[in-house]
């Protein structure tokens, strides 16, 4: 656990906030998927209903990665022209 904290601190110090954001979305998606699975063992309807949370987190992760790569490509092409 201490290593994960140290890695996040190093990412923050290196000004890699995008990486921290993406890791946050991935952690939320995986953790909520596990929690929904456990809830579905107790109450199937509630567990299936709560599956919207990990699906939304995974969708946000994908869309965020797509837009970030497009933005980075545009910024790199603009900076290389100068």
Protein backbone atom coordinates (compact mmCIF):
# COMPACT_ATOMS: atom_id res chain seq x y z
CA UNK A 1 0.00 0.00 0.00
CA UNK A 2 2.88 2.34 0.80
CA UNK A 3 4.35 1.72 -2.67
CA UNK A 4 1.12 2.77 -4.36
CA UNK A 5 1.06 5.95 -2.31
CA UNK A 6 4.69 6.65 -3.17
CA UNK A 7 4.00 6.08 -6.87
CA UNK A 8 1.08 8.52 -6.80
CA UNK A 9 3.21 11.12 -5.02
CA UNK A 10 5.97 10.69 -7.62
CA UNK A 11 3.46 11.05 -10.44
CA UNK A 12 2.13 14.22 -8.84
CA UNK A 13 5.63 15.62 -8.41
CA UNK A 14 6.41 14.85 -12.06
CA UNK A 15 3.26 16.83 -13.01
CA UNK A 16 1.58 13.79 -14.60
CA UNK A 17 -1.95 14.64 -13.53
CA UNK A 18 -3.43 12.96 -16.60
CA UNK A 19 -1.93 9.62 -15.56
CA UNK A 20 -3.29 10.06 -12.05
CA UNK A 21 -6.74 10.85 -13.48
CA UNK A 22 -6.73 7.78 -15.72
CA UNK A 23 -5.59 5.55 -12.86
CA UNK A 24 -8.35 6.99 -10.71
CA UNK A 25 -11.00 6.13 -13.30
CA UNK A 26 -9.57 2.62 -13.70
CA UNK A 27 -9.52 2.03 -9.95
CA UNK A 28 -13.10 3.27 -9.61
CA UNK A 29 -14.24 1.03 -12.48
CA UNK A 30 -12.59 -2.12 -11.11
CA UNK A 31 -13.51 -1.52 -7.47
CA UNK A 32 -17.13 -0.73 -8.25
CA UNK A 33 -17.36 -3.77 -10.52
CA UNK A 34 -16.20 -6.01 -7.66
CA UNK A 35 -18.60 -4.33 -5.23
CA UNK A 36 -21.50 -4.72 -7.68
CA UNK A 37 -20.64 -8.38 -8.06
CA UNK A 38 -20.71 -8.89 -4.32
CA UNK A 39 -23.99 -7.01 -4.01
CA UNK A 40 -25.42 -9.10 -6.86
CA UNK A 41 -24.73 -12.23 -4.83
CA UNK A 42 -27.04 -10.86 -2.14
CA UNK A 43 -29.59 -8.98 -4.26
CA UNK A 44 -29.38 -9.64 -7.99
CA UNK A 45 -31.58 -6.74 -9.13
CA UNK A 46 -29.67 -4.18 -7.09
CA UNK A 47 -26.30 -5.51 -8.23
CA UNK A 48 -27.29 -5.35 -11.89
CA UNK A 49 -28.71 -1.85 -11.42
CA UNK A 50 -25.48 -0.66 -9.81
CA UNK A 51 -23.47 -1.92 -12.79
CA UNK A 52 -24.10 1.47 -14.39
CA UNK A 53 -21.35 2.94 -12.18
CA UNK A 54 -18.46 0.78 -13.47
CA UNK A 55 -19.79 1.02 -17.02
CA UNK A 56 -19.85 4.81 -16.76
CA UNK A 57 -16.35 4.88 -15.26
CA UNK A 58 -15.03 2.66 -18.07
CA UNK A 59 -16.74 4.84 -20.69
CA UNK A 60 -15.28 7.99 -19.15
CA UNK A 61 -11.86 6.35 -19.10
CA UNK A 62 -12.11 5.50 -22.80
CA UNK A 63 -13.49 8.85 -23.92
CA UNK A 64 -10.96 10.72 -21.81
CA UNK A 65 -8.07 8.73 -23.31
CA UNK A 66 -9.40 9.33 -26.83
CA UNK A 67 -9.81 13.09 -26.43
CA UNK A 68 -6.49 13.41 -24.62
CA UNK A 69 -4.65 11.64 -27.44
CA UNK A 70 -6.37 13.82 -30.06
CA UNK A 71 -5.52 16.98 -28.12
CA UNK A 72 -1.92 15.89 -27.62
CA UNK A 73 -1.55 15.11 -31.33
CA UNK A 74 -2.91 18.53 -32.28
CA UNK A 75 -0.65 20.31 -29.80
CA UNK A 76 2.40 18.34 -30.95
CA UNK A 77 1.71 19.15 -34.59
CA UNK A 78 1.27 22.86 -33.78
CA UNK A 79 4.46 23.00 -31.75
CA UNK A 80 6.47 21.16 -34.44
CA UNK A 81 5.41 23.71 -37.09
CA UNK A 82 6.98 26.56 -35.14
